[in-house]
Amino acid sequence: MGTSILIAGFVFGIFILAVLYLLQLDFVTGAILALAGTGLYILFQYLIGPAIVASSTRLSYIKPGENPWLESAVKELADKDGLPMPRIAVVPNNSPNAFTFGRSSSSATLAVHEGLLTNLNEDEIKGVIAHELGHVKHKDYIVMTVLSALPLIAYIVASFSMRAGLYTSGRRSKDNNAGIVLVIIGGISFLVYIVTFLSVMRLSRLREHFADAYSAYLTGSPKSLESALTKITYGLSIAPQQSTQVRAFYIEDPTRAKQEAQEINEKKSEYDLDRDGVLDEQELELAMEKEAKSTWNQLNNLFATHPSTFRRILLLREIENEMQTGRYSGDRIYTRI
């Protein structure tokens, strides 16, 4: 995770220096303006982000005593590791999903879809809750809010510079050199956008693995989250198309879930080893493992916010095996990632 943050920050820093050089601006003044502008943009996104998430998902906060079991489950797991009790919200959506957001650990919101509460059993829901509490403990939503601003800024600069540069270069005037400089800045900005975007996506996938491992540790039952992820992926694959505005916050990306299910379904005859027309647990596991190793999926994974369901389940099974040996302890929560 530190490597992803370092790469994104370093590349963005080089990007600012390159733009200042090409524009022939005073280094100190230009750097201050660039950093101040970036800082203000990140601050703005940090401040309004929670409001946008709450509004786009149409969630409603539950009142004390409105859902005793859910409140008790969240409190039990939060108290177990000394985490502050998050605000609990329910989203009026029949698809199984959950997410966490906020400006700090003490003001975090844990939101669950109605579909999650109706389609999963209590142990599976606790596994999902523990996963979301992992994001609270790791402050993932704060880190992602800050870092996701970097590729967006680079993309905005690239788009503006390329358009302005092409327009200026097309005019027969003394502004031709300025147009060329703007096109170069646009090209550099686009490369920076690609590198920082891939770094942020890698960080997003890693944070899901860390939250999965934390869930296994907190509940002591990796199988609960493993079963939950299977049901969530299947449920999302058959659910109507949904808004993907906050998909990076979800425990599972609806778009990715549909892709995984579609890819396996298209090759059903290949994976149906006993030819009974149904993929049993072993056949489905082999199918997911093979799909996860395919070159296309590995390339596609670079642009994904979430790891494939199979990779997540494989990690949970490794943790479960270690738990059974008796060697698993609090200082080994993340060793399998």
Protein backbone atom coordinates (compact mmCIF):
# COMPACT_ATOMS: atom_id res chain seq x y z
CA MET A 1 0.00 0.00 0.00
CA GLY A 2 2.88 2.33 0.84
CA THR A 3 4.44 1.58 -2.56
CA SER A 4 1.24 2.57 -4.36
CA ILE A 5 1.01 5.83 -2.40
CA LEU A 6 4.70 6.59 -3.01
CA ILE A 7 4.45 5.95 -6.76
CA ALA A 8 1.33 8.11 -7.16
CA GLY A 9 2.79 10.95 -5.07
CA PHE A 10 6.23 10.82 -6.74
CA VAL A 11 4.86 10.79 -10.29
CA PHE A 12 2.47 13.62 -9.49
CA GLY A 13 5.35 15.64 -8.00
CA ILE A 14 7.45 15.13 -11.17
CA PHE A 15 4.39 16.13 -13.18
CA ILE A 16 4.13 19.47 -11.37
CA LEU A 17 7.87 20.15 -11.87
CA ALA A 18 7.62 19.33 -15.59
CA VAL A 19 4.65 21.67 -16.09
CA LEU A 20 6.44 24.50 -14.25
CA TYR A 21 9.53 23.99 -16.41
CA LEU A 22 7.64 23.95 -19.70
CA LEU A 23 5.67 27.06 -18.76
CA GLN A 24 8.93 28.72 -17.65
CA LEU A 25 7.37 29.82 -14.39
CA ASP A 26 9.30 30.88 -11.33
CA PHE A 27 9.87 27.60 -9.50
CA VAL A 28 9.01 28.71 -5.97
CA THR A 29 5.93 30.71 -6.95
CA GLY A 30 4.70 28.08 -9.38
CA ALA A 31 5.24 25.23 -6.94
CA ILE A 32 3.36 27.05 -4.20
CA LEU A 33 0.44 27.79 -6.54
CA ALA A 34 0.37 24.21 -7.86
CA LEU A 35 0.53 22.60 -4.44
CA ALA A 36 -1.98 25.05 -3.01
CA GLY A 37 -4.39 24.40 -5.86
CA THR A 38 -4.00 20.63 -5.49
CA GLY A 39 -4.45 20.88 -1.73
CA LEU A 40 -7.61 22.95 -2.05
CA TYR A 41 -9.09 20.54 -4.57
CA ILE A 42 -8.36 17.56 -2.30
CA LEU A 43 -9.79 19.43 0.69
CA PHE A 44 -12.93 20.28 -1.28
CA GLN A 45 -13.38 16.64 -2.31
CA TYR A 46 -12.72 15.50 1.26
CA LEU A 47 -15.37 17.87 2.64
CA ILE A 48 -18.16 17.25 0.14
CA GLY A 49 -17.43 13.55 -0.52
CA PRO A 50 -19.59 12.13 2.30
CA ALA A 51 -22.55 14.29 1.29
CA ILE A 52 -22.29 13.10 -2.31
CA VAL A 53 -22.13 9.43 -1.26
CA ALA A 54 -25.13 9.80 1.07
CA SER A 55 -27.16 11.63 -1.56
CA SER A 56 -26.34 9.32 -4.48
CA THR A 57 -27.20 6.14 -2.54
CA ARG A 58 -30.39 7.55 -0.90
CA LEU A 59 -29.42 5.96 2.42
CA SER A 60 -31.27 6.64 5.66
CA TYR A 61 -29.70 6.55 9.11
CA ILE A 62 -31.37 4.16 11.54
CA LYS A 63 -32.65 5.48 14.85
CA PRO A 64 -31.63 3.84 18.15
CA GLY A 65 -33.68 0.67 18.65
CA GLU A 66 -34.90 0.61 15.03
CA ASN A 67 -32.83 -2.48 14.14
CA PRO A 68 -31.61 -3.99 17.45
CA TRP A 69 -29.79 -6.95 15.90
CA LEU A 70 -27.83 -4.86 13.40
CA GLU A 71 -26.92 -2.27 16.03
CA SER A 72 -25.85 -5.00 18.45
CA ALA A 73 -23.73 -6.78 15.82
CA VAL A 74 -21.89 -3.60 14.80
CA LYS A 75 -21.31 -2.59 18.45
CA GLU A 76 -20.08 -6.06 19.41
CA LEU A 77 -17.49 -6.16 16.62
CA ALA A 78 -16.41 -2.51 17.05
CA ASP A 79 -15.94 -2.94 20.80
CA LYS A 80 -13.95 -6.13 20.23
CA ASP A 81 -11.08 -4.11 18.74
CA GLY A 82 -11.73 -0.79 20.48
CA LEU A 83 -13.05 0.97 17.38
CA PRO A 84 -15.44 3.93 17.64
CA MET A 85 -19.05 3.00 16.94
CA PRO A 86 -19.89 4.16 13.38
CA ARG A 87 -23.25 5.60 12.40
CA ILE A 88 -25.41 2.89 10.83
CA ALA A 89 -27.46 3.46 7.69
CA VAL A 90 -29.63 1.32 5.45
CA VAL A 91 -29.86 1.75 1.67
CA PRO A 92 -33.25 0.97 0.03
CA ASN A 93 -31.73 -1.36 -2.54
CA ASN A 94 -32.45 -5.07 -3.00
CA SER A 95 -28.95 -5.93 -4.21
CA PRO A 96 -26.58 -7.34 -1.55
CA ASN A 97 -23.86 -4.81 -0.79
CA ALA A 98 -22.35 -2.60 1.91
CA PHE A 99 -19.89 0.27 2.20
CA THR A 100 -18.23 2.69 4.62
CA PHE A 101 -17.46 6.37 4.21
CA GLY A 102 -16.75 9.48 6.26
CA ARG A 103 -14.20 12.15 7.13
CA SER A 104 -12.70 10.41 10.16
CA SER A 105 -12.91 7.18 12.14
CA SER A 106 -15.06 8.86 14.77
CA SER A 107 -17.60 10.12 12.21
CA ALA A 108 -17.66 7.13 9.86
CA THR A 109 -20.89 5.74 8.43
CA LEU A 110 -21.43 2.02 7.85
CA ALA A 111 -24.20 1.51 5.31
CA VAL A 112 -25.80 -1.81 4.35
CA HIS A 113 -28.23 -2.54 1.53
CA GLU A 114 -31.60 -4.02 2.39
CA GLY A 115 -30.70 -6.86 0.01
CA LEU A 116 -27.72 -7.76 2.19
CA LEU A 117 -29.89 -8.06 5.30
CA THR A 118 -32.48 -10.25 3.58
CA ASN A 119 -30.24 -12.54 1.49
CA LEU A 120 -27.39 -13.31 3.91
CA ASN A 121 -27.49 -15.14 7.23
CA GLU A 122 -26.34 -13.53 10.50
CA ASP A 123 -22.80 -14.93 10.42
CA GLU A 124 -22.31 -13.76 6.82
CA ILE A 125 -23.61 -10.29 7.67
CA LYS A 126 -21.18 -10.12 10.59
CA GLY A 127 -18.37 -11.05 8.21
CA VAL A 128 -19.37 -8.14 5.96
CA ILE A 129 -19.68 -5.75 8.93
CA ALA A 130 -16.20 -6.75 10.13
CA HIS A 131 -14.84 -6.12 6.62
CA GLU A 132 -16.32 -2.62 6.62
CA LEU A 133 -14.95 -1.98 10.12
CA GLY A 134 -11.57 -2.92 8.65
CA HIS A 135 -11.90 0.04 6.31
CA VAL A 136 -12.66 2.22 9.33
CA LYS A 137 -9.60 0.93 11.20
CA HIS A 138 -7.33 1.42 8.18
CA LYS A 139 -8.89 4.81 7.28
CA ASP A 140 -9.16 3.58 3.70
CA TYR A 141 -11.90 5.98 2.63
CA ILE A 142 -9.77 8.98 3.68
CA VAL A 143 -6.66 7.70 1.87
CA MET A 144 -8.65 6.86 -1.25
CA THR A 145 -10.43 10.22 -1.27
CA VAL A 146 -7.09 12.04 -1.18
CA LEU A 147 -5.25 9.85 -3.69
CA SER A 148 -8.11 9.52 -6.18
CA ALA A 149 -7.92 13.29 -6.67
CA LEU A 150 -4.43 13.03 -8.23
CA PRO A 151 -5.33 11.18 -11.46
CA LEU A 152 -8.46 13.30 -11.77
CA ILE A 153 -6.43 16.52 -11.60
CA ALA A 154 -3.95 15.14 -14.16
CA TYR A 155 -6.84 14.18 -16.48
CA ILE A 156 -8.40 17.66 -16.23
CA VAL A 157 -5.03 19.29 -17.00
CA ALA A 158 -4.48 16.88 -19.92
CA SER A 159 -7.90 17.55 -21.42
CA PHE A 160 -7.63 21.33 -21.09
CA SER A 161 -4.01 21.52 -22.34
CA MET A 162 -4.57 19.33 -25.39
CA ARG A 163 -7.64 21.26 -26.50
CA ALA A 164 -6.02 24.64 -25.91
CA GLY A 165 -2.76 23.51 -27.52
CA LEU A 166 -4.42 22.15 -30.67
CA TYR A 167 -6.53 25.28 -31.01
CA THR A 168 -3.53 27.59 -30.57
CA SER A 169 -1.28 25.55 -32.88
CA GLY A 170 -3.90 25.72 -35.61
CA ARG A 171 -3.73 29.50 -35.70
CA ARG A 172 -1.17 31.25 -37.90
CA SER A 173 0.33 33.52 -35.31
CA LYS A 174 3.16 33.90 -32.87
CA ASP A 175 1.24 31.63 -30.50
CA ASN A 176 2.37 28.46 -32.34
CA ASN A 177 5.18 27.78 -29.85
CA ALA A 178 2.75 28.21 -26.96
CA GLY A 179 0.42 25.73 -28.62
CA ILE A 180 3.19 23.15 -28.95
CA VAL A 181 4.10 23.59 -25.27
CA LEU A 182 0.47 23.08 -24.27
CA VAL A 183 0.23 19.90 -26.38
CA ILE A 184 3.41 18.57 -24.70
CA ILE A 185 1.95 19.39 -21.28
CA GLY A 186 -1.24 17.60 -22.31
CA GLY A 187 0.71 14.50 -23.35
CA ILE A 188 2.71 14.45 -20.11
CA SER A 189 -0.47 14.99 -18.10
CA PHE A 190 -2.16 12.04 -19.80
CA LEU A 191 0.78 9.74 -19.02
CA VAL A 192 0.71 10.93 -15.41
CA TYR A 193 -3.03 10.23 -15.35
CA ILE A 194 -2.46 6.63 -16.50
CA VAL A 195 0.33 5.93 -13.98
CA THR A 196 -1.43 7.51 -11.00
CA PHE A 197 -4.76 5.90 -11.96
CA LEU A 198 -3.19 2.43 -12.08
CA SER A 199 -1.46 3.08 -8.73
CA VAL A 200 -4.72 4.16 -7.11
CA MET A 201 -6.55 1.11 -8.53
CA ARG A 202 -3.82 -1.16 -7.14
CA LEU A 203 -4.20 0.48 -3.75
CA SER A 204 -7.97 0.05 -3.94
CA ARG A 205 -7.61 -3.69 -4.59
CA LEU A 206 -5.07 -4.07 -1.78
CA ARG A 207 -7.32 -2.32 0.72
CA GLU A 208 -10.04 -4.89 0.01
CA HIS A 209 -7.63 -7.73 0.77
CA PHE A 210 -6.56 -6.03 4.01
CA ALA A 211 -10.19 -5.52 5.04
CA ASP A 212 -10.97 -9.18 4.21
CA ALA A 213 -8.07 -10.34 6.39
CA TYR A 214 -9.20 -8.06 9.20
CA SER A 215 -12.72 -9.49 8.99
CA ALA A 216 -11.32 -13.02 9.31
CA TYR A 217 -9.34 -11.97 12.38
CA LEU A 218 -12.15 -10.01 14.05
CA THR A 219 -14.86 -12.66 13.59
CA GLY A 220 -12.56 -15.65 13.86
CA SER A 221 -14.53 -17.13 10.98
CA PRO A 222 -13.06 -16.60 7.49
CA LYS A 223 -15.77 -18.90 6.11
CA SER A 224 -18.45 -16.37 7.04
CA LEU A 225 -17.01 -13.70 4.74
CA GLU A 226 -16.12 -16.30 2.11
CA SER A 227 -19.74 -17.41 1.94
CA ALA A 228 -20.93 -13.80 2.01
CA LEU A 229 -18.70 -12.81 -0.93
CA THR A 230 -20.03 -15.74 -2.96
CA LYS A 231 -23.64 -14.73 -2.33
CA ILE A 232 -22.90 -11.04 -2.91
CA THR A 233 -21.17 -11.69 -6.24
CA TYR A 234 -24.00 -13.92 -7.44
CA GLY A 235 -26.66 -11.49 -6.19
CA LEU A 236 -25.01 -8.54 -7.92
CA SER A 237 -24.58 -10.52 -11.15
CA ILE A 238 -28.36 -10.97 -11.51
CA ALA A 239 -29.36 -7.56 -10.10
CA PRO A 240 -30.46 -4.75 -12.46
CA GLN A 241 -27.75 -2.38 -13.63
CA GLN A 242 -26.94 0.09 -10.87
CA SER A 243 -25.16 3.41 -10.55
CA THR A 244 -21.39 2.94 -10.27
CA GLN A 245 -20.68 6.36 -8.76
CA VAL A 246 -19.60 4.89 -5.42
CA ARG A 247 -18.55 1.42 -6.58
CA ALA A 248 -15.03 1.84 -5.13
CA PHE A 249 -16.65 2.07 -1.66
CA TYR A 250 -18.70 -1.13 -2.00
CA ILE A 251 -17.58 -4.47 -0.59
CA GLU A 252 -18.01 -5.75 -4.16
CA ASP A 253 -18.11 -3.84 -7.44
CA PRO A 254 -21.46 -4.58 -9.21
CA THR A 255 -19.90 -4.21 -12.66
CA ARG A 256 -17.06 -6.60 -11.86
CA ALA A 257 -19.46 -9.13 -10.34
CA LYS A 258 -21.51 -9.17 -13.55
CA GLN A 259 -18.35 -9.63 -15.65
CA GLU A 260 -17.11 -12.54 -13.52
CA ALA A 261 -20.46 -14.34 -13.68
CA GLN A 262 -20.82 -13.71 -17.43
CA GLU A 263 -17.32 -14.99 -18.24
CA ILE A 264 -17.91 -18.22 -16.31
CA ASN A 265 -21.41 -18.69 -17.73
CA GLU A 266 -20.14 -18.33 -21.32
CA LYS A 267 -17.74 -21.24 -20.69
CA LYS A 268 -20.15 -23.31 -18.62
CA SER A 269 -19.89 -26.37 -20.86
CA GLU A 270 -16.09 -26.30 -20.52
CA TYR A 271 -16.20 -26.21 -16.71
CA ASP A 272 -19.12 -28.64 -16.27
CA LEU A 273 -16.88 -31.70 -15.86
CA ASP A 274 -19.64 -34.19 -14.98
CA ARG A 275 -21.95 -32.83 -17.72
CA ASP A 276 -24.95 -32.53 -15.41
CA GLY A 277 -25.75 -28.99 -16.55
CA VAL A 278 -24.90 -27.48 -13.16
CA LEU A 279 -21.59 -26.17 -11.81
CA ASP A 280 -21.09 -27.64 -8.35
CA GLU A 281 -18.82 -26.03 -5.75
CA GLN A 282 -15.66 -27.81 -6.94
CA GLU A 283 -16.34 -27.07 -10.62
CA LEU A 284 -17.11 -23.43 -9.85
CA GLU A 285 -13.92 -23.10 -7.81
CA LEU A 286 -11.84 -24.55 -10.67
CA ALA A 287 -13.60 -22.22 -13.13
CA MET A 288 -12.94 -19.13 -11.02
CA GLU A 289 -9.30 -20.13 -10.53
CA LYS A 290 -8.76 -20.60 -14.26
CA GLU A 291 -10.54 -17.36 -15.13
CA ALA A 292 -8.47 -15.44 -12.56
CA LYS A 293 -5.25 -16.72 -14.20
CA SER A 294 -6.24 -15.85 -17.77
CA THR A 295 -4.16 -13.18 -19.48
CA TRP A 296 -7.25 -11.10 -20.30
CA ASN A 297 -8.44 -11.08 -16.70
CA GLN A 298 -5.00 -10.23 -15.38
CA LEU A 299 -4.82 -7.23 -17.71
CA ASN A 300 -8.40 -6.25 -16.92
CA ASN A 301 -7.60 -6.53 -13.22
CA LEU A 302 -5.16 -3.60 -13.53
CA PHE A 303 -8.12 -1.26 -14.03
CA ALA A 304 -10.37 -2.82 -11.38
CA THR A 305 -11.23 -1.32 -8.01
CA HIS A 306 -11.70 -4.78 -6.45
CA PRO A 307 -9.78 -8.07 -6.67
CA SER A 308 -11.57 -10.98 -8.31
CA THR A 309 -13.86 -12.90 -5.97
CA PHE A 310 -11.74 -16.03 -6.38
CA ARG A 311 -8.56 -14.26 -5.21
CA ARG A 312 -10.39 -12.96 -2.16
CA ILE A 313 -11.79 -16.39 -1.33
CA LEU A 314 -8.34 -17.97 -1.80
CA LEU A 315 -6.84 -15.52 0.72
CA LEU A 316 -9.59 -16.29 3.25
CA ARG A 317 -8.99 -20.04 2.85
CA GLU A 318 -5.26 -19.57 3.45
CA ILE A 319 -6.06 -17.65 6.64
CA GLU A 320 -8.51 -20.35 7.69
CA ASN A 321 -5.84 -23.04 7.22
CA GLU A 322 -3.42 -21.03 9.33
CA MET A 323 -6.05 -20.58 12.05
CA GLN A 324 -6.47 -24.35 12.21
CA THR A 325 -2.75 -24.81 12.85
CA GLY A 326 -2.98 -22.60 15.94
CA ARG A 327 -0.21 -20.27 14.69
CA TYR A 328 -2.55 -17.45 13.70
CA SER A 329 -2.40 -14.43 16.02
CA GLY A 330 -2.98 -10.69 16.02
CA ASP A 331 0.49 -9.93 14.68
CA ARG A 332 -0.09 -12.21 11.67
CA ILE A 333 -3.36 -10.73 10.40
CA TYR A 334 -1.92 -9.50 7.10
CA THR A 335 0.94 -11.94 6.45
CA ARG A 336 -0.98 -13.83 3.75
CA ILE A 337 -1.64 -10.77 1.57
